[in-house]
Amino acid sequence: MAWDDEFDDEVDPRASARSTRGTSRDGHAVRRAAGAAGIAVGAMVGVVALVVGAVVAVTAIGMAVRPEGFASPSADGPHIGLPPTSERPERPAEEGDGSGDTDASVPERFEDVPGIPLLEPGFSSVDADWTVRIAAATGIPERALSAYAHAHVALASEDPACDVDWATIAAIGAIESDHGRHGDSSLDASGRAVPPIVGRALDGDGVATITDTDGGALDGDTAWDRAVGPMQFIPSTWARWGSDGNGDGVADPHQIDDAALTTGRYLCAAGSMATADGWRRAVYSYNHDNDYVARVASISQGFAASVR
């Protein structure tokens, strides 16, 4: 789930389920101890407390310096190259006998072509044969894969230093919504999740507490915010980062092209992903959880390995 920076101080959705054990000991038990045996026990407790304190301190320092922490030191993205592209041809000039008849094989609008995001004519489009082949190899639906690949191509031009790749974006899509197939949802030809994918209310009950920020416009909830769409954006995050990935003039978190491009831009905002540390930092920014970082690494590497 993508978080808006202004909510970084809120409770992590998983945090409230974690124990908050301290390292203090019952002083009454120590005071009741007497003689040499009591002193020995007290000394042992003191040593243990010092060791525990040192470990906690070192871990805290490590987390502060390396947000990805020690839980995923080997986690890294596949850093794979661009998918092959081809220039989308310009629409042919209308031909006819003046009666208004035109070539029926030419779609009236580019969005009439299933599985192809609505982009400006001439935009480098991901090769259709590649999409079919990689979808079969990875199990990623073609419509979702097309969106991930287009985001990769767009960001390679927009922010080449970022080095985000389609496999990393796809791994996040796999975890967040099974590529738009969560529950009884699926992506239609336009790339929109139907029915919309909406997460649980962020009401503080085992999750973060985020009161409504969008008047229910995206999530249908006027009391609490909920993560929405195939990439599970919180409404406040979408308000800041939402992008139009299919060129229809609307940034819609429920539409996979828009959501995939927004995911890529959100990751790139954390800095270059060209190194392991940079890659982990970017994915950690998407979901502040080390296990999540490790899962994205494993899934994205699996996607890359399946197409080599």
Protein backbone atom coordinates (compact mmCIF):
# COMPACT_ATOMS: atom_id res chain seq x y z
CA MET A 1 0.00 0.00 0.00
CA ALA A 2 1.47 3.35 -1.04
CA TRP A 3 1.75 5.90 1.75
CA ASP A 4 1.67 9.67 1.58
CA ASP A 5 4.71 11.18 3.33
CA GLU A 6 2.51 13.34 5.54
CA PHE A 7 1.19 10.18 7.17
CA ASP A 8 4.63 8.75 7.96
CA ASP A 9 4.07 9.45 11.63
CA GLU A 10 0.83 7.48 11.64
CA VAL A 11 0.72 3.90 12.84
CA ASP A 12 1.94 1.34 10.30
CA PRO A 13 -0.99 -0.97 9.40
CA ARG A 14 0.95 -3.87 10.87
CA ALA A 15 2.39 -1.97 13.82
CA SER A 16 -0.56 -2.30 16.20
CA ALA A 17 -0.40 -6.08 15.91
CA ARG A 18 3.21 -6.13 17.06
CA SER A 19 4.23 -6.51 20.69
CA THR A 20 5.67 -3.50 22.50
CA ARG A 21 7.66 -5.42 25.07
CA GLY A 22 10.12 -3.38 27.14
CA THR A 23 13.46 -4.48 28.56
CA SER A 24 12.83 -3.40 32.17
CA ARG A 25 12.79 -5.97 34.96
CA ASP A 26 10.65 -6.20 38.11
CA GLY A 27 12.55 -4.23 40.75
CA HIS A 28 10.68 -5.91 43.57
CA ALA A 29 12.18 -9.30 42.68
CA VAL A 30 15.69 -7.87 42.84
CA ARG A 31 15.05 -6.15 46.17
CA ARG A 32 13.76 -9.42 47.65
CA ALA A 33 16.96 -11.25 46.66
CA ALA A 34 19.49 -11.64 49.48
CA GLY A 35 23.03 -12.87 49.91
CA ALA A 36 25.52 -13.92 47.29
CA ALA A 37 22.94 -15.79 45.22
CA GLY A 38 20.81 -12.67 45.00
CA ILE A 39 23.77 -10.57 43.96
CA ALA A 40 24.72 -13.11 41.28
CA VAL A 41 21.21 -13.15 39.87
CA GLY A 42 21.11 -9.38 39.89
CA ALA A 43 24.43 -9.20 38.08
CA MET A 44 23.23 -11.68 35.45
CA VAL A 45 20.05 -9.69 34.89
CA GLY A 46 22.10 -6.55 34.55
CA VAL A 47 24.35 -8.12 31.93
CA VAL A 48 21.36 -9.43 29.98
CA ALA A 49 19.72 -6.00 30.10
CA LEU A 50 22.91 -4.37 28.82
CA VAL A 51 23.15 -6.85 25.95
CA VAL A 52 19.50 -6.41 25.01
CA GLY A 53 19.87 -2.65 25.20
CA ALA A 54 22.93 -2.74 22.97
CA VAL A 55 21.16 -4.88 20.38
CA VAL A 56 18.14 -2.58 20.38
CA ALA A 57 20.38 0.47 20.04
CA VAL A 58 22.39 -1.00 17.16
CA THR A 59 19.21 -2.07 15.37
CA ALA A 60 17.64 1.36 15.84
CA ILE A 61 20.75 3.04 14.45
CA GLY A 62 20.79 0.62 11.54
CA MET A 63 17.14 1.31 10.74
CA ALA A 64 17.75 5.04 10.90
CA VAL A 65 20.71 4.88 8.54
CA ARG A 66 19.27 2.15 6.31
CA PRO A 67 15.46 2.39 6.18
CA GLU A 68 15.28 -1.06 4.66
CA GLY A 69 16.83 -2.42 7.86
CA PHE A 70 18.65 -5.68 8.37
CA ALA A 71 15.74 -7.92 7.47
CA SER A 72 16.38 -7.81 3.74
CA PRO A 73 20.09 -7.16 3.09
CA SER A 74 20.07 -9.35 -0.02
CA ALA A 75 16.76 -8.08 -1.43
CA ASP A 76 17.23 -6.39 -4.77
CA GLY A 77 15.35 -5.87 -7.99
CA PRO A 78 16.13 -7.68 -11.23
CA HIS A 79 17.31 -4.48 -13.00
CA ILE A 80 16.16 -5.76 -16.37
CA GLY A 81 16.20 -3.88 -19.66
CA LEU A 82 13.38 -2.24 -21.53
CA PRO A 83 10.80 -4.40 -23.25
CA PRO A 84 10.94 -4.11 -27.06
CA THR A 85 8.89 -1.29 -28.50
CA SER A 86 7.56 -0.21 -31.85
CA GLU A 87 6.34 3.15 -33.01
CA ARG A 88 2.58 3.38 -33.05
CA PRO A 89 1.62 4.53 -36.55
CA GLU A 90 -0.25 7.73 -37.12
CA ARG A 91 -3.90 7.31 -37.99
CA PRO A 92 -4.30 7.15 -41.77
CA ALA A 93 -6.09 10.02 -43.46
CA GLU A 94 -9.73 9.29 -44.05
CA GLU A 95 -10.52 7.99 -47.47
CA GLY A 96 -13.83 7.62 -49.19
CA ASP A 97 -16.09 8.88 -51.89
CA GLY A 98 -17.25 11.88 -49.95
CA SER A 99 -20.23 10.09 -48.49
CA GLY A 100 -18.58 9.81 -45.07
CA ASP A 101 -17.63 6.15 -45.48
CA THR A 102 -14.20 5.31 -44.08
CA ASP A 103 -12.05 2.21 -43.73
CA ALA A 104 -13.87 0.07 -41.16
CA SER A 105 -10.57 -1.52 -40.09
CA VAL A 106 -9.36 1.78 -38.59
CA PRO A 107 -10.75 2.20 -35.05
CA GLU A 108 -12.50 5.47 -34.35
CA ARG A 109 -10.43 5.93 -31.18
CA PHE A 110 -7.29 4.23 -29.95
CA GLU A 111 -9.08 3.10 -26.78
CA ASP A 112 -11.27 0.98 -29.04
CA VAL A 113 -8.29 -1.37 -29.39
CA PRO A 114 -8.49 -3.83 -26.44
CA GLY A 115 -5.37 -4.12 -24.34
CA ILE A 116 -3.63 -1.03 -25.74
CA PRO A 117 -3.41 2.04 -23.49
CA LEU A 118 -4.67 5.26 -25.03
CA LEU A 119 -1.43 7.10 -25.81
CA GLU A 120 -0.50 9.79 -28.26
CA PRO A 121 0.04 8.57 -31.84
CA GLY A 122 3.72 7.90 -32.46
CA PHE A 123 4.40 6.95 -28.83
CA SER A 124 6.71 3.95 -28.53
CA SER A 125 4.31 1.11 -27.80
CA VAL A 126 5.40 -2.13 -26.18
CA ASP A 127 5.61 -4.88 -28.77
CA ALA A 128 2.41 -6.91 -28.77
CA ASP A 129 4.18 -10.23 -29.41
CA TRP A 130 6.44 -9.58 -26.42
CA THR A 131 3.43 -8.90 -24.23
CA VAL A 132 1.75 -12.17 -25.24
CA ARG A 133 4.94 -14.19 -24.73
CA ILE A 134 5.90 -12.68 -21.36
CA ALA A 135 2.34 -12.92 -20.06
CA ALA A 136 2.36 -16.65 -20.81
CA ALA A 137 5.75 -17.11 -19.14
CA THR A 138 4.98 -15.13 -15.98
CA GLY A 139 1.25 -15.69 -15.49
CA ILE A 140 0.67 -11.92 -15.47
CA PRO A 141 -2.54 -11.02 -17.37
CA GLU A 142 -1.73 -9.33 -20.68
CA ARG A 143 -3.72 -6.20 -19.81
CA ALA A 144 -1.82 -5.70 -16.56
CA LEU A 145 1.55 -6.56 -18.10
CA SER A 146 0.94 -4.01 -20.83
CA ALA A 147 0.47 -1.31 -18.17
CA TYR A 148 3.60 -2.30 -16.24
CA ALA A 149 5.68 -2.37 -19.42
CA HIS A 150 4.35 0.98 -20.65
CA ALA A 151 5.23 2.53 -17.27
CA HIS A 152 8.77 1.14 -17.63
CA VAL A 153 9.13 2.62 -21.11
CA ALA A 154 7.66 5.99 -20.10
CA LEU A 155 9.88 6.34 -17.03
CA ALA A 156 13.00 5.26 -18.90
CA SER A 157 12.47 8.37 -21.01
CA GLU A 158 11.14 10.63 -18.28
CA ASP A 159 13.61 9.73 -15.52
CA PRO A 160 16.36 7.45 -16.89
CA ALA A 161 18.46 7.71 -13.72
CA CYS A 162 15.67 6.05 -11.71
CA ASP A 163 16.15 2.61 -13.32
CA VAL A 164 12.75 1.27 -12.29
CA ASP A 165 11.67 -1.78 -14.29
CA TRP A 166 8.40 -3.46 -15.24
CA ALA A 167 9.13 -6.54 -13.11
CA THR A 168 9.36 -4.49 -9.92
CA ILE A 169 6.10 -2.68 -10.69
CA ALA A 170 4.50 -6.02 -11.57
CA ALA A 171 5.65 -7.58 -8.29
CA ILE A 172 3.94 -4.78 -6.37
CA GLY A 173 0.81 -5.31 -8.47
CA ALA A 174 0.94 -9.02 -7.67
CA ILE A 175 1.09 -8.40 -3.93
CA GLU A 176 -1.43 -5.56 -3.78
CA SER A 177 -4.23 -7.04 -5.89
CA ASP A 178 -3.05 -10.07 -7.89
CA HIS A 179 -2.86 -7.76 -10.92
CA GLY A 180 -6.38 -6.45 -10.46
CA ARG A 181 -7.91 -9.85 -9.73
CA HIS A 182 -8.46 -9.47 -5.99
CA GLY A 183 -11.72 -10.99 -4.79
CA ASP A 184 -14.19 -11.07 -7.66
CA SER A 185 -12.55 -8.19 -9.54
CA SER A 186 -10.81 -8.28 -12.90
CA LEU A 187 -9.42 -5.76 -15.40
CA ASP A 188 -11.68 -4.96 -18.31
CA ALA A 189 -10.36 -4.13 -21.79
CA SER A 190 -9.91 -0.47 -20.81
CA GLY A 191 -7.76 -1.51 -17.87
CA ARG A 192 -10.22 -0.61 -15.15
CA ALA A 193 -10.77 -2.94 -12.20
CA VAL A 194 -14.40 -4.09 -12.14
CA PRO A 195 -15.80 -4.06 -9.55
CA PRO A 196 -13.47 -1.48 -7.98
CA ILE A 197 -10.90 -2.84 -5.51
CA VAL A 198 -11.30 -1.05 -2.17
CA GLY A 199 -9.40 -1.94 1.00
CA ARG A 200 -10.63 -1.98 4.59
CA ALA A 201 -11.36 1.23 6.48
CA LEU A 202 -8.23 2.76 8.00
CA ASP A 203 -10.00 3.30 11.31
CA GLY A 204 -7.20 2.35 13.71
CA ASP A 205 -8.56 -1.13 14.41
CA GLY A 206 -5.39 -3.08 13.67
CA VAL A 207 -4.51 -0.62 10.90
CA ALA A 208 -3.42 2.99 10.60
CA THR A 209 -5.84 5.73 11.56
CA ILE A 210 -6.53 7.98 8.57
CA THR A 211 -9.75 9.94 8.54
CA ASP A 212 -11.43 10.70 5.23
CA THR A 213 -9.45 12.98 2.91
CA ASP A 214 -11.41 12.76 -0.34
CA GLY A 215 -15.05 13.01 0.70
CA GLY A 216 -15.43 9.37 -0.36
CA ALA A 217 -14.80 10.23 -4.01
CA LEU A 218 -12.34 7.38 -4.60
CA ASP A 219 -13.18 4.88 -1.87
CA GLY A 220 -16.86 5.53 -1.19
CA ASP A 221 -16.17 6.15 2.52
CA THR A 222 -16.79 9.60 3.98
CA ALA A 223 -15.56 8.66 7.45
CA TRP A 224 -12.24 6.89 6.82
CA ASP A 225 -9.78 6.55 3.98
CA ARG A 226 -9.32 3.18 2.27
CA ALA A 227 -6.63 2.01 -0.15
CA VAL A 228 -8.02 1.81 -3.67
CA GLY A 229 -7.33 0.30 -7.06
CA PRO A 230 -5.07 -2.46 -8.36
CA MET A 231 -1.97 -0.81 -6.83
CA GLN A 232 -3.78 0.12 -3.58
CA PHE A 233 -3.21 3.84 -3.20
CA ILE A 234 -4.51 5.79 -0.22
CA PRO A 235 -6.65 8.70 -1.50
CA SER A 236 -4.34 11.34 0.01
CA THR A 237 -1.36 9.71 -1.73
CA TRP A 238 -3.22 9.62 -5.02
CA ALA A 239 -4.13 13.28 -4.67
CA ARG A 240 -0.42 14.06 -4.60
CA TRP A 241 0.98 11.50 -7.03
CA GLY A 242 -1.88 10.42 -9.29
CA SER A 243 -0.83 10.25 -12.95
CA ASP A 244 -2.59 9.81 -16.27
CA GLY A 245 -0.93 6.73 -17.73
CA ASN A 246 -3.25 6.09 -20.67
CA GLY A 247 -3.61 9.61 -21.98
CA ASP A 248 -7.35 9.97 -21.52
CA GLY A 249 -7.01 13.16 -19.49
CA VAL A 250 -8.00 11.54 -16.18
CA ALA A 251 -5.80 10.17 -13.37
CA ASP A 252 -7.81 7.22 -12.04
CA PRO A 253 -6.40 4.88 -9.32
CA HIS A 254 -8.85 2.17 -10.42
CA GLN A 255 -7.34 2.14 -13.94
CA ILE A 256 -4.20 0.00 -14.30
CA ASP A 257 -2.25 2.23 -16.73
CA ASP A 258 -2.69 5.23 -14.45
CA ALA A 259 -1.93 3.22 -11.32
CA ALA A 260 1.19 1.56 -12.78
CA LEU A 261 2.71 4.85 -13.96
CA THR A 262 1.93 6.44 -10.59
CA THR A 263 3.61 3.51 -8.83
CA GLY A 264 6.72 3.97 -10.93
CA ARG A 265 6.87 7.70 -10.29
CA TYR A 266 6.30 7.17 -6.58
CA LEU A 267 9.20 4.70 -6.44
CA CYS A 268 11.48 7.00 -8.45
CA ALA A 269 10.79 9.86 -6.03
CA ALA A 270 12.81 7.93 -3.43
CA GLY A 271 15.90 8.14 -5.62
CA SER A 272 17.75 5.95 -8.08
CA MET A 273 16.91 2.26 -7.96
CA ALA A 274 20.07 1.27 -9.85
CA THR A 275 21.75 -0.11 -6.71
CA ALA A 276 20.52 -2.67 -4.20
CA ASP A 277 20.34 -0.06 -1.45
CA GLY A 278 18.49 2.37 -3.71
CA TRP A 279 16.06 -0.30 -4.87
CA ARG A 280 15.27 -1.37 -1.30
CA ARG A 281 14.82 2.22 -0.19
CA ALA A 282 12.32 2.89 -2.98
CA VAL A 283 10.23 -0.22 -2.31
CA TYR A 284 10.37 0.43 1.43
CA SER A 285 8.90 3.87 0.75
CA TYR A 286 5.90 2.18 -0.89
CA ASN A 287 5.24 0.03 2.17
CA HIS A 288 7.30 0.52 5.33
CA ASP A 289 7.81 -3.17 6.00
CA ASN A 290 10.98 -5.21 5.50
CA ASP A 291 9.09 -8.41 4.74
CA TYR A 292 7.24 -6.54 1.99
CA VAL A 293 10.55 -5.44 0.48
CA ALA A 294 11.81 -9.02 0.50
CA ARG A 295 8.59 -10.29 -1.12
CA VAL A 296 8.75 -7.71 -3.91
CA ALA A 297 12.38 -8.69 -4.54
CA SER A 298 11.59 -12.39 -4.71
CA ILE A 299 8.56 -12.00 -6.98
CA SER A 300 10.23 -9.51 -9.33
CA GLN A 301 13.32 -11.70 -9.65
CA GLY A 302 11.03 -14.64 -10.42
CA PHE A 303 9.34 -12.69 -13.20
CA ALA A 304 12.71 -11.75 -14.67
CA ALA A 305 14.06 -15.31 -14.46
CA SER A 306 11.01 -16.75 -16.18
CA VAL A 307 11.61 -14.72 -19.34
CA ARG A 308 15.35 -15.22 -19.75
